[in-house]
Amino acid sequence: MGLRLDRSETEVVAQDRLLEAVFESVLHRTNGQIRDLAVSISNGVVKLTGKTSRYYYKQLATSGVQDGDFGLDVENEISVGVR
């Protein structure tokens, strides 16, 4: 008895892995300095939300996506100046 996955299930798994990889890349790049970090992907665009105390960390979050070479555009909505 083999395991069967239909195409939609494998696409969901691939999407989940991509989402996790992007999240981990941003988390690593920012050294955990984004509070309440949330990552979503839709139509080839990564949307980042969360809070940080410095604009520098917001920039690092964007570069965490870009440097990961995921082939996605970035919409960075991380709030700055929030302690």
N, C-alpha and C. Protein backbone atom coordinates (compact mmCIF):
# COMPACT_ATOMS: atom_id res chain seq x y z
N MET A 1 0.85 -1.18 0.00
CA MET A 1 0.00 0.00 0.00
C MET A 1 0.89 1.23 0.00
N GLY A 2 0.90 1.98 -1.09
CA GLY A 2 1.75 3.14 -1.22
C GLY A 2 1.04 4.42 -0.84
N LEU A 3 1.84 5.41 -0.59
CA LEU A 3 1.32 6.72 -0.27
C LEU A 3 1.08 7.48 -1.56
N ARG A 4 -0.11 8.02 -1.72
CA ARG A 4 -0.42 8.80 -2.92
C ARG A 4 -0.68 10.24 -2.54
N LEU A 5 -0.03 11.12 -3.24
CA LEU A 5 -0.28 12.56 -3.06
C LEU A 5 -0.76 13.10 -4.40
N ASP A 6 -1.82 13.83 -4.37
CA ASP A 6 -2.22 14.46 -5.63
C ASP A 6 -1.46 15.76 -5.80
N ARG A 7 -1.55 16.31 -6.97
CA ARG A 7 -0.78 17.51 -7.32
C ARG A 7 -1.04 18.67 -6.35
N SER A 8 -2.29 18.88 -5.97
CA SER A 8 -2.60 20.00 -5.07
C SER A 8 -1.96 19.81 -3.70
N GLU A 9 -1.87 18.57 -3.23
CA GLU A 9 -1.23 18.32 -1.95
C GLU A 9 0.26 18.61 -2.01
N THR A 10 0.91 18.22 -3.10
CA THR A 10 2.34 18.49 -3.22
C THR A 10 2.61 19.98 -3.36
N GLU A 11 1.71 20.71 -4.00
CA GLU A 11 1.86 22.16 -4.10
C GLU A 11 1.71 22.81 -2.73
N VAL A 12 0.82 22.31 -1.91
CA VAL A 12 0.65 22.83 -0.56
C VAL A 12 1.91 22.57 0.26
N VAL A 13 2.45 21.38 0.15
CA VAL A 13 3.69 21.04 0.87
C VAL A 13 4.82 21.95 0.41
N ALA A 14 4.95 22.15 -0.89
CA ALA A 14 6.00 23.01 -1.43
C ALA A 14 5.82 24.45 -0.94
N GLN A 15 4.59 24.93 -0.92
CA GLN A 15 4.29 26.29 -0.45
C GLN A 15 4.65 26.43 1.03
N ASP A 16 4.31 25.40 1.82
CA ASP A 16 4.63 25.43 3.25
C ASP A 16 6.15 25.45 3.47
N ARG A 17 6.87 24.68 2.70
CA ARG A 17 8.33 24.65 2.82
C ARG A 17 8.94 25.99 2.42
N LEU A 18 8.42 26.59 1.37
CA LEU A 18 8.90 27.90 0.94
C LEU A 18 8.63 28.94 2.03
N LEU A 19 7.44 28.92 2.57
CA LEU A 19 7.08 29.86 3.63
C LEU A 19 8.00 29.70 4.83
N GLU A 20 8.27 28.46 5.22
CA GLU A 20 9.16 28.20 6.34
C GLU A 20 10.59 28.66 6.04
N ALA A 21 11.05 28.43 4.83
CA ALA A 21 12.41 28.84 4.44
C ALA A 21 12.56 30.36 4.47
N VAL A 22 11.56 31.07 3.97
CA VAL A 22 11.59 32.54 3.99
C VAL A 22 11.57 33.04 5.43
N PHE A 23 10.69 32.48 6.25
CA PHE A 23 10.60 32.88 7.66
C PHE A 23 11.94 32.68 8.35
N GLU A 24 12.55 31.52 8.18
CA GLU A 24 13.83 31.22 8.82
C GLU A 24 14.94 32.14 8.31
N SER A 25 14.92 32.46 7.02
CA SER A 25 15.92 33.36 6.45
C SER A 25 15.82 34.75 7.07
N VAL A 26 14.61 35.26 7.19
CA VAL A 26 14.40 36.59 7.79
C VAL A 26 14.77 36.56 9.27
N LEU A 27 14.34 35.54 9.97
CA LEU A 27 14.64 35.41 11.39
C LEU A 27 16.15 35.37 11.63
N HIS A 28 16.85 34.58 10.82
CA HIS A 28 18.30 34.47 10.96
C HIS A 28 19.00 35.79 10.61
N ARG A 29 18.58 36.40 9.52
CA ARG A 29 19.21 37.63 9.04
C ARG A 29 19.05 38.78 10.03
N THR A 30 17.91 38.83 10.71
CA THR A 30 17.63 39.93 11.64
C THR A 30 18.02 39.59 13.07
N ASN A 31 18.56 38.41 13.27
CA ASN A 31 18.98 37.96 14.60
C ASN A 31 17.83 38.03 15.61
N GLY A 32 16.61 37.75 15.11
CA GLY A 32 15.45 37.72 15.99
C GLY A 32 14.97 39.08 16.48
N GLN A 33 15.37 40.16 15.81
CA GLN A 33 15.03 41.51 16.27
C GLN A 33 13.68 42.01 15.76
N ILE A 34 12.92 41.14 15.08
CA ILE A 34 11.57 41.51 14.64
C ILE A 34 10.59 40.79 15.56
N ARG A 35 9.84 41.55 16.32
CA ARG A 35 8.83 40.96 17.21
C ARG A 35 7.56 40.70 16.42
N ASP A 36 6.87 39.65 16.78
CA ASP A 36 5.61 39.28 16.12
C ASP A 36 5.78 39.13 14.61
N LEU A 37 6.92 38.59 14.19
CA LEU A 37 7.19 38.41 12.76
C LEU A 37 6.16 37.47 12.14
N ALA A 38 5.58 37.93 11.05
CA ALA A 38 4.65 37.10 10.27
C ALA A 38 5.05 37.22 8.80
N VAL A 39 5.00 36.09 8.12
CA VAL A 39 5.37 36.02 6.71
C VAL A 39 4.23 35.35 5.95
N SER A 40 3.82 35.97 4.86
CA SER A 40 2.82 35.34 4.00
C SER A 40 3.30 35.48 2.56
N ILE A 41 2.87 34.56 1.72
CA ILE A 41 3.26 34.58 0.31
C ILE A 41 2.00 34.44 -0.53
N SER A 42 1.86 35.34 -1.49
CA SER A 42 0.72 35.30 -2.40
C SER A 42 1.13 35.90 -3.74
N ASN A 43 0.85 35.18 -4.79
CA ASN A 43 1.12 35.66 -6.15
C ASN A 43 2.56 36.13 -6.34
N GLY A 44 3.51 35.40 -5.78
CA GLY A 44 4.92 35.73 -5.97
C GLY A 44 5.43 36.88 -5.14
N VAL A 45 4.65 37.30 -4.13
CA VAL A 45 5.04 38.41 -3.27
C VAL A 45 5.06 37.94 -1.82
N VAL A 46 6.18 38.22 -1.14
CA VAL A 46 6.30 37.94 0.29
C VAL A 46 5.87 39.18 1.04
N LYS A 47 4.95 39.02 1.97
CA LYS A 47 4.53 40.14 2.82
C LYS A 47 5.08 39.89 4.22
N LEU A 48 5.84 40.86 4.72
CA LEU A 48 6.42 40.78 6.05
C LEU A 48 5.72 41.76 6.97
N THR A 49 5.33 41.30 8.14
CA THR A 49 4.77 42.19 9.16
C THR A 49 5.43 41.87 10.49
N GLY A 50 5.40 42.82 11.38
CA GLY A 50 5.99 42.67 12.70
C GLY A 50 6.38 44.03 13.22
N LYS A 51 7.21 44.03 14.27
CA LYS A 51 7.63 45.28 14.91
C LYS A 51 9.12 45.21 15.22
N THR A 52 9.77 46.35 15.07
CA THR A 52 11.18 46.43 15.43
C THR A 52 11.50 47.84 15.91
N SER A 53 12.58 47.96 16.65
CA SER A 53 12.95 49.27 17.19
C SER A 53 13.82 50.08 16.24
N ARG A 54 14.39 49.43 15.21
CA ARG A 54 15.31 50.14 14.32
C ARG A 54 15.02 49.84 12.85
N TYR A 55 15.16 50.88 12.04
CA TYR A 55 14.97 50.74 10.60
C TYR A 55 15.97 49.74 10.01
N TYR A 56 17.16 49.67 10.58
CA TYR A 56 18.20 48.74 10.15
C TYR A 56 17.67 47.30 10.10
N TYR A 57 16.92 46.88 11.11
CA TYR A 57 16.40 45.52 11.14
C TYR A 57 15.32 45.31 10.09
N LYS A 58 14.57 46.36 9.80
CA LYS A 58 13.58 46.27 8.73
C LYS A 58 14.29 46.04 7.40
N GLN A 59 15.39 46.76 7.18
CA GLN A 59 16.18 46.57 5.96
C GLN A 59 16.75 45.15 5.90
N LEU A 60 17.23 44.66 7.02
CA LEU A 60 17.78 43.31 7.06
C LEU A 60 16.72 42.27 6.74
N ALA A 61 15.49 42.51 7.16
CA ALA A 61 14.41 41.57 6.85
C ALA A 61 14.19 41.48 5.34
N THR A 62 14.20 42.62 4.68
CA THR A 62 14.05 42.63 3.22
C THR A 62 15.21 41.89 2.57
N SER A 63 16.43 42.17 3.01
CA SER A 63 17.58 41.50 2.41
C SER A 63 17.58 40.00 2.73
N GLY A 64 16.97 39.60 3.84
CA GLY A 64 16.85 38.18 4.16
C GLY A 64 16.04 37.43 3.12
N VAL A 65 15.04 38.09 2.55
CA VAL A 65 14.25 37.50 1.48
C VAL A 65 15.03 37.56 0.17
N GLN A 66 15.57 38.72 -0.14
CA GLN A 66 16.28 38.90 -1.41
C GLN A 66 17.52 38.02 -1.50
N ASP A 67 18.30 37.94 -0.44
CA ASP A 67 19.52 37.15 -0.45
C ASP A 67 19.24 35.64 -0.47
N GLY A 68 18.04 35.27 -0.06
CA GLY A 68 17.65 33.86 -0.08
C GLY A 68 17.40 33.35 -1.49
N ASP A 69 17.37 34.25 -2.46
CA ASP A 69 17.17 33.90 -3.87
C ASP A 69 15.92 33.03 -4.06
N PHE A 70 14.82 33.46 -3.46
CA PHE A 70 13.56 32.73 -3.55
C PHE A 70 12.77 33.10 -4.81
N GLY A 71 13.20 34.15 -5.49
CA GLY A 71 12.51 34.59 -6.70
C GLY A 71 11.19 35.27 -6.40
N LEU A 72 11.10 35.93 -5.25
CA LEU A 72 9.87 36.58 -4.83
C LEU A 72 10.09 38.07 -4.61
N ASP A 73 9.08 38.86 -4.87
CA ASP A 73 9.12 40.28 -4.53
C ASP A 73 8.81 40.42 -3.04
N VAL A 74 9.18 41.57 -2.47
CA VAL A 74 9.00 41.78 -1.04
C VAL A 74 8.13 42.99 -0.78
N GLU A 75 7.14 42.81 0.08
CA GLU A 75 6.31 43.90 0.57
C GLU A 75 6.56 43.94 2.09
N ASN A 76 7.38 44.89 2.52
CA ASN A 76 7.81 44.94 3.91
C ASN A 76 6.95 45.95 4.68
N GLU A 77 6.08 45.43 5.53
CA GLU A 77 5.20 46.28 6.33
C GLU A 77 5.57 46.21 7.82
N ILE A 78 6.83 45.93 8.09
CA ILE A 78 7.30 45.88 9.48
C ILE A 78 7.30 47.29 10.06
N SER A 79 6.71 47.46 11.22
CA SER A 79 6.66 48.77 11.89
C SER A 79 7.97 49.05 12.59
N VAL A 80 8.45 50.28 12.46
CA VAL A 80 9.71 50.69 13.05
C VAL A 80 9.46 51.69 14.18
N GLY A 81 10.28 51.61 15.21
CA GLY A 81 10.18 52.56 16.31
C GLY A 81 9.27 52.07 17.41
N VAL A 82 8.80 50.85 17.27
CA VAL A 82 7.92 50.28 18.28
C VAL A 82 8.78 49.47 19.24
N ARG A 83 8.71 49.82 20.50
CA ARG A 83 9.52 49.10 21.51
C ARG A 83 8.69 48.10 22.24
